[in-house]
Amino acid sequence: MSTPYPLEPRSAAAAQVRATLQDREARLRAEVEATRARGEGDPTRVAREATDRGEDAESQVELGLNDAEVARDVAELREIGEALARLDAGRYGLCKDCDEPIDERRLAAEPFAIRCTACQGRFELARSRRA
């Protein structure tokens, strides 16, 4: 059975989406805290323990990876927050660009999607041309 979009904020389908988004949000927050905790004890510890250039380079890569993990997770947390706001406003499941419903398979795979597949493709093509 197909889900009609946009979702009514108080519907069972909206409650299910909200639970999925909130679960992912909680897991991401835990990941961010764990990643930050790894580096907060002493952010220079790994660099100080490096005894040669190879170990020093490895420690810099490790610090960079931690930063990249946190940045990726924070970006996804922002997307989840925006999806929850759309859900509360009765706009969840509508494309940001064309205002048509986003395919439910896309939303199942990426519950915070803001564009339908066609508009997302156009967006990415335009972005790649600017780069």
N, C-alpha and C. Protein backbone atom coordinates (compact mmCIF):
# COMPACT_ATOMS: atom_id res chain seq x y z
N MET A 1 0.83 -1.18 0.00
CA MET A 1 0.00 0.00 0.00
C MET A 1 0.87 1.24 0.00
N SER A 2 0.55 2.18 -0.81
CA SER A 2 1.31 3.40 -0.97
C SER A 2 0.96 4.41 0.13
N THR A 3 1.97 5.13 0.60
CA THR A 3 1.78 6.15 1.62
C THR A 3 1.52 7.48 0.94
N PRO A 4 0.43 8.16 1.30
CA PRO A 4 0.16 9.47 0.70
C PRO A 4 1.04 10.56 1.34
N TYR A 5 1.70 11.31 0.49
CA TYR A 5 2.53 12.42 0.98
C TYR A 5 1.91 13.72 0.54
N PRO A 6 2.01 14.75 1.33
CA PRO A 6 2.74 14.82 2.60
C PRO A 6 2.01 14.07 3.70
N LEU A 7 2.76 13.70 4.71
CA LEU A 7 2.17 12.96 5.83
C LEU A 7 1.43 13.92 6.76
N GLU A 8 0.29 13.48 7.22
CA GLU A 8 -0.44 14.21 8.26
C GLU A 8 0.41 14.07 9.53
N PRO A 9 0.77 15.18 10.18
CA PRO A 9 1.68 15.12 11.33
C PRO A 9 1.25 14.18 12.45
N ARG A 10 -0.05 13.95 12.62
CA ARG A 10 -0.52 13.11 13.73
C ARG A 10 -0.86 11.69 13.29
N SER A 11 -0.53 11.34 12.06
CA SER A 11 -0.87 10.01 11.55
C SER A 11 0.08 8.95 12.08
N ALA A 12 -0.33 7.70 11.97
CA ALA A 12 0.52 6.57 12.37
C ALA A 12 1.78 6.52 11.52
N ALA A 13 1.64 6.82 10.24
CA ALA A 13 2.82 6.83 9.35
C ALA A 13 3.82 7.89 9.79
N ALA A 14 3.33 9.07 10.18
CA ALA A 14 4.21 10.14 10.66
C ALA A 14 4.88 9.72 11.96
N ALA A 15 4.15 9.05 12.83
CA ALA A 15 4.72 8.58 14.10
C ALA A 15 5.84 7.59 13.84
N GLN A 16 5.65 6.72 12.85
CA GLN A 16 6.68 5.74 12.51
C GLN A 16 7.92 6.44 11.96
N VAL A 17 7.73 7.41 11.07
CA VAL A 17 8.86 8.15 10.51
C VAL A 17 9.57 8.91 11.62
N ARG A 18 8.80 9.55 12.48
CA ARG A 18 9.37 10.31 13.60
C ARG A 18 10.23 9.39 14.47
N ALA A 19 9.73 8.20 14.79
CA ALA A 19 10.48 7.25 15.61
C ALA A 19 11.78 6.83 14.92
N THR A 20 11.71 6.58 13.62
CA THR A 20 12.91 6.20 12.86
C THR A 20 13.94 7.32 12.89
N LEU A 21 13.48 8.55 12.64
CA LEU A 21 14.40 9.70 12.64
C LEU A 21 14.98 9.94 14.03
N GLN A 22 14.17 9.84 15.06
CA GLN A 22 14.66 10.07 16.42
C GLN A 22 15.63 8.98 16.86
N ASP A 23 15.39 7.75 16.43
CA ASP A 23 16.32 6.66 16.74
C ASP A 23 17.68 6.91 16.09
N ARG A 24 17.65 7.29 14.82
CA ARG A 24 18.90 7.59 14.13
C ARG A 24 19.60 8.79 14.77
N GLU A 25 18.82 9.78 15.16
CA GLU A 25 19.37 10.97 15.82
C GLU A 25 20.09 10.57 17.11
N ALA A 26 19.48 9.73 17.91
CA ALA A 26 20.09 9.29 19.17
C ALA A 26 21.39 8.53 18.93
N ARG A 27 21.37 7.64 17.92
CA ARG A 27 22.60 6.89 17.60
C ARG A 27 23.71 7.81 17.12
N LEU A 28 23.37 8.79 16.29
CA LEU A 28 24.38 9.73 15.80
C LEU A 28 24.95 10.58 16.93
N ARG A 29 24.09 11.04 17.83
CA ARG A 29 24.58 11.83 18.97
C ARG A 29 25.56 11.01 19.81
N ALA A 30 25.25 9.73 20.02
CA ALA A 30 26.16 8.86 20.77
C ALA A 30 27.48 8.69 20.03
N GLU A 31 27.43 8.54 18.71
CA GLU A 31 28.65 8.42 17.91
C GLU A 31 29.50 9.68 18.00
N VAL A 32 28.86 10.84 17.91
CA VAL A 32 29.59 12.10 18.00
C VAL A 32 30.27 12.22 19.37
N GLU A 33 29.53 11.91 20.42
CA GLU A 33 30.11 11.99 21.76
C GLU A 33 31.27 11.03 21.92
N ALA A 34 31.14 9.81 21.41
CA ALA A 34 32.22 8.83 21.51
C ALA A 34 33.44 9.28 20.73
N THR A 35 33.24 9.82 19.55
CA THR A 35 34.36 10.30 18.74
C THR A 35 35.05 11.47 19.41
N ARG A 36 34.25 12.39 19.93
CA ARG A 36 34.84 13.54 20.63
C ARG A 36 35.57 13.11 21.88
N ALA A 37 35.01 12.13 22.60
CA ALA A 37 35.65 11.66 23.83
C ALA A 37 37.01 11.02 23.54
N ARG A 38 37.13 10.36 22.39
CA ARG A 38 38.43 9.75 22.02
C ARG A 38 39.51 10.81 21.91
N GLY A 39 39.14 11.98 21.44
CA GLY A 39 40.13 13.03 21.22
C GLY A 39 40.23 14.04 22.33
N GLU A 40 39.25 14.06 23.24
CA GLU A 40 39.25 15.10 24.28
C GLU A 40 40.17 14.82 25.44
N GLY A 41 40.50 13.57 25.70
CA GLY A 41 41.37 13.27 26.83
C GLY A 41 42.62 14.13 26.77
N ASP A 42 43.29 14.11 25.66
CA ASP A 42 44.45 14.94 25.40
C ASP A 42 44.64 14.97 23.90
N PRO A 43 44.14 16.01 23.23
CA PRO A 43 44.19 16.03 21.76
C PRO A 43 45.59 15.95 21.18
N THR A 44 46.61 16.27 21.96
CA THR A 44 47.97 16.22 21.43
C THR A 44 48.70 14.93 21.83
N ARG A 45 48.01 14.06 22.60
CA ARG A 45 48.63 12.84 23.10
C ARG A 45 49.18 11.99 21.96
N VAL A 46 48.36 11.74 20.96
CA VAL A 46 48.79 10.88 19.85
C VAL A 46 49.99 11.49 19.15
N ALA A 47 49.97 12.80 18.93
CA ALA A 47 51.09 13.45 18.25
C ALA A 47 52.36 13.39 19.12
N ARG A 48 52.21 13.56 20.43
CA ARG A 48 53.39 13.52 21.31
C ARG A 48 53.97 12.12 21.40
N GLU A 49 53.11 11.09 21.30
CA GLU A 49 53.59 9.73 21.40
C GLU A 49 54.26 9.25 20.11
N ALA A 50 54.09 9.97 19.04
CA ALA A 50 54.70 9.58 17.77
C ALA A 50 56.22 9.69 17.91
N THR A 51 56.90 8.62 17.53
CA THR A 51 58.35 8.60 17.68
C THR A 51 59.09 8.85 16.38
N ASP A 52 58.40 8.78 15.27
CA ASP A 52 59.05 9.06 13.99
C ASP A 52 58.05 9.72 13.05
N ARG A 53 58.52 10.10 11.88
CA ARG A 53 57.65 10.80 10.91
C ARG A 53 56.45 9.96 10.50
N GLY A 54 56.65 8.67 10.35
CA GLY A 54 55.54 7.79 9.96
C GLY A 54 54.45 7.77 11.01
N GLU A 55 54.85 7.65 12.26
CA GLU A 55 53.86 7.66 13.34
C GLU A 55 53.21 9.03 13.47
N ASP A 56 53.99 10.09 13.25
CA ASP A 56 53.43 11.44 13.32
C ASP A 56 52.38 11.63 12.22
N ALA A 57 52.69 11.16 11.02
CA ALA A 57 51.72 11.27 9.92
C ALA A 57 50.48 10.45 10.22
N GLU A 58 50.66 9.28 10.79
CA GLU A 58 49.53 8.43 11.14
C GLU A 58 48.65 9.10 12.19
N SER A 59 49.27 9.77 13.16
CA SER A 59 48.48 10.44 14.20
C SER A 59 47.70 11.61 13.61
N GLN A 60 48.28 12.31 12.65
CA GLN A 60 47.58 13.41 12.01
C GLN A 60 46.39 12.91 11.19
N VAL A 61 46.58 11.78 10.54
CA VAL A 61 45.47 11.18 9.78
C VAL A 61 44.36 10.78 10.74
N GLU A 62 44.71 10.18 11.87
CA GLU A 62 43.71 9.76 12.86
C GLU A 62 42.92 10.97 13.37
N LEU A 63 43.60 12.05 13.67
CA LEU A 63 42.91 13.25 14.14
C LEU A 63 42.00 13.81 13.04
N GLY A 64 42.47 13.80 11.81
CA GLY A 64 41.66 14.27 10.69
C GLY A 64 40.43 13.41 10.46
N LEU A 65 40.59 12.10 10.60
CA LEU A 65 39.45 11.19 10.43
C LEU A 65 38.40 11.43 11.52
N ASN A 66 38.84 11.64 12.74
CA ASN A 66 37.90 11.94 13.82
C ASN A 66 37.11 13.20 13.50
N ASP A 67 37.80 14.23 13.03
CA ASP A 67 37.13 15.48 12.67
C ASP A 67 36.14 15.27 11.53
N ALA A 68 36.53 14.47 10.54
CA ALA A 68 35.65 14.20 9.41
C ALA A 68 34.42 13.41 9.85
N GLU A 69 34.60 12.44 10.75
CA GLU A 69 33.47 11.66 11.26
C GLU A 69 32.47 12.56 11.97
N VAL A 70 32.98 13.43 12.82
CA VAL A 70 32.09 14.34 13.56
C VAL A 70 31.37 15.28 12.60
N ALA A 71 32.07 15.82 11.62
CA ALA A 71 31.44 16.74 10.66
C ALA A 71 30.34 16.03 9.87
N ARG A 72 30.60 14.81 9.44
CA ARG A 72 29.59 14.05 8.70
C ARG A 72 28.37 13.78 9.57
N ASP A 73 28.60 13.36 10.81
CA ASP A 73 27.49 13.06 11.71
C ASP A 73 26.69 14.31 12.06
N VAL A 74 27.37 15.43 12.27
CA VAL A 74 26.68 16.68 12.59
C VAL A 74 25.83 17.13 11.40
N ALA A 75 26.34 16.96 10.19
CA ALA A 75 25.55 17.32 9.00
C ALA A 75 24.30 16.46 8.91
N GLU A 76 24.42 15.16 9.20
CA GLU A 76 23.25 14.29 9.16
C GLU A 76 22.27 14.65 10.28
N LEU A 77 22.78 15.02 11.45
CA LEU A 77 21.90 15.46 12.54
C LEU A 77 21.10 16.70 12.12
N ARG A 78 21.73 17.60 11.41
CA ARG A 78 21.03 18.79 10.91
C ARG A 78 19.92 18.39 9.94
N GLU A 79 20.23 17.45 9.05
CA GLU A 79 19.22 16.97 8.09
C GLU A 79 18.05 16.30 8.80
N ILE A 80 18.35 15.55 9.84
CA ILE A 80 17.29 14.89 10.61
C ILE A 80 16.41 15.93 11.30
N GLY A 81 17.03 16.94 11.89
CA GLY A 81 16.26 18.01 12.53
C GLY A 81 15.34 18.71 11.55
N GLU A 82 15.85 18.95 10.34
CA GLU A 82 15.02 19.59 9.31
C GLU A 82 13.88 18.68 8.88
N ALA A 83 14.14 17.37 8.79
CA ALA A 83 13.08 16.41 8.42
C ALA A 83 12.00 16.37 9.50
N LEU A 84 12.40 16.40 10.76
CA LEU A 84 11.42 16.42 11.85
C LEU A 84 10.58 17.70 11.81
N ALA A 85 11.20 18.82 11.47
CA ALA A 85 10.46 20.08 11.36
C ALA A 85 9.46 20.00 10.21
N ARG A 86 9.86 19.41 9.06
CA ARG A 86 8.93 19.24 7.94
C ARG A 86 7.78 18.32 8.33
N LEU A 87 8.10 17.29 9.09
CA LEU A 87 7.07 16.36 9.55
C LEU A 87 6.05 17.09 10.41
N ASP A 88 6.52 17.90 11.35
CA ASP A 88 5.63 18.66 12.23
C ASP A 88 4.80 19.69 11.46
N ALA A 89 5.36 20.21 10.38
CA ALA A 89 4.67 21.24 9.59
C ALA A 89 3.74 20.64 8.53
N GLY A 90 3.71 19.32 8.43
CA GLY A 90 2.87 18.69 7.41
C GLY A 90 3.44 18.77 6.02
N ARG A 91 4.76 18.93 5.89
CA ARG A 91 5.43 19.04 4.59
C ARG A 91 6.35 17.87 4.31
N TYR A 92 6.41 16.90 5.22
CA TYR A 92 7.32 15.77 5.04
C TYR A 92 6.90 14.96 3.82
N GLY A 93 7.88 14.67 2.97
CA GLY A 93 7.62 13.86 1.78
C GLY A 93 7.36 14.65 0.52
N LEU A 94 7.40 15.98 0.63
CA LEU A 94 7.24 16.83 -0.56
C LEU A 94 8.60 17.36 -0.98
N CYS A 95 8.85 17.36 -2.27
CA CYS A 95 10.12 17.85 -2.82
C CYS A 95 10.26 19.35 -2.58
N LYS A 96 11.42 19.74 -2.13
CA LYS A 96 11.73 21.14 -1.87
C LYS A 96 11.66 21.99 -3.14
N ASP A 97 12.00 21.39 -4.27
CA ASP A 97 12.08 22.14 -5.52
C ASP A 97 10.78 22.16 -6.32
N CYS A 98 10.17 20.99 -6.51
CA CYS A 98 9.00 20.92 -7.39
C CYS A 98 7.68 20.75 -6.63
N ASP A 99 7.76 20.54 -5.33
CA ASP A 99 6.60 20.39 -4.46
C ASP A 99 5.77 19.14 -4.76
N GLU A 100 6.34 18.21 -5.49
CA GLU A 100 5.68 16.92 -5.76
C GLU A 100 6.11 15.92 -4.70
N PRO A 101 5.31 14.88 -4.48
CA PRO A 101 5.69 13.86 -3.49
C PRO A 101 7.00 13.15 -3.87
N ILE A 102 7.82 12.91 -2.86
CA ILE A 102 9.05 12.15 -3.03
C ILE A 102 8.67 10.67 -2.98
N ASP A 103 9.24 9.87 -3.86
CA ASP A 103 8.94 8.44 -3.90
C ASP A 103 9.20 7.82 -2.53
N GLU A 104 8.26 7.00 -2.08
CA GLU A 104 8.38 6.41 -0.75
C GLU A 104 9.59 5.50 -0.62
N ARG A 105 10.05 4.91 -1.73
CA ARG A 105 11.27 4.07 -1.66
C ARG A 105 12.49 4.94 -1.36
N ARG A 106 12.50 6.14 -1.92
CA ARG A 106 13.61 7.07 -1.63
C ARG A 106 13.58 7.48 -0.16
N LEU A 107 12.38 7.77 0.34
CA LEU A 107 12.25 8.17 1.74
C LEU A 107 12.57 7.01 2.68
N ALA A 108 12.27 5.79 2.26
CA ALA A 108 12.61 4.63 3.09
C ALA A 108 14.13 4.48 3.19
N ALA A 109 14.82 4.75 2.10
CA ALA A 109 16.27 4.63 2.08
C ALA A 109 16.95 5.82 2.74
N GLU A 110 16.37 6.99 2.58
CA GLU A 110 16.95 8.23 3.10
C GLU A 110 15.81 9.08 3.68
N PRO A 111 15.41 8.81 4.92
CA PRO A 111 14.21 9.44 5.48
C PRO A 111 14.29 10.96 5.60
N PHE A 112 15.47 11.53 5.44
CA PHE A 112 15.59 12.99 5.53
C PHE A 112 15.75 13.64 4.15
N ALA A 113 15.45 12.88 3.08
CA ALA A 113 15.56 13.41 1.72
C ALA A 113 14.66 14.63 1.56
N ILE A 114 15.18 15.65 0.87
CA ILE A 114 14.40 16.87 0.67
C ILE A 114 13.97 17.06 -0.78
N ARG A 115 14.51 16.24 -1.67
CA ARG A 115 14.18 16.37 -3.09
C ARG A 115 13.79 15.01 -3.67
N CYS A 116 12.92 15.07 -4.67
CA CYS A 116 12.61 13.86 -5.43
C CYS A 116 13.86 13.48 -6.22
N THR A 117 13.86 12.29 -6.77
CA THR A 117 15.03 11.79 -7.49
C THR A 117 15.41 12.69 -8.66
N ALA A 118 14.42 13.13 -9.43
CA ALA A 118 14.70 13.98 -10.60
C ALA A 118 15.31 15.31 -10.17
N CYS A 119 14.72 15.96 -9.18
CA CYS A 119 15.24 17.26 -8.73
C CYS A 119 16.61 17.10 -8.06
N GLN A 120 16.83 16.00 -7.34
CA GLN A 120 18.13 15.76 -6.73
C GLN A 120 19.19 15.60 -7.81
N GLY A 121 18.85 14.90 -8.88
CA GLY A 121 19.80 14.75 -9.99
C GLY A 121 20.16 16.08 -10.61
N ARG A 122 19.15 16.93 -10.83
CA ARG A 122 19.42 18.27 -11.37
C ARG A 122 20.27 19.10 -10.42
N PHE A 123 19.97 19.01 -9.13
CA PHE A 123 20.72 19.75 -8.12
C PHE A 123 22.19 19.33 -8.13
N GLU A 124 22.44 18.02 -8.14
CA GLU A 124 23.82 17.53 -8.13
C GLU A 124 24.56 17.89 -9.40
N LEU A 125 23.88 17.85 -10.54
CA LEU A 125 24.51 18.24 -11.80
C LEU A 125 24.90 19.72 -11.77
N ALA A 126 24.01 20.55 -11.31
CA ALA A 126 24.31 22.00 -11.22
C ALA A 126 25.46 22.24 -10.25
N ARG A 127 25.46 21.53 -9.14
CA ARG A 127 26.54 21.70 -8.15
C ARG A 127 27.88 21.25 -8.73
N SER A 128 27.88 20.17 -9.50
CA SER A 128 29.15 19.69 -10.07
C SER A 128 29.66 20.65 -11.14
N ARG A 129 28.77 21.33 -11.81
CA ARG A 129 29.20 22.31 -12.82
C ARG A 129 29.82 23.55 -12.19
N ARG A 130 29.36 23.89 -10.97
CA ARG A 130 29.90 25.05 -10.26
C ARG A 130 31.26 24.75 -9.68
N ALA A 131 31.53 23.48 -9.40
CA ALA A 131 32.79 23.10 -8.74
C ALA A 131 33.97 23.13 -9.66
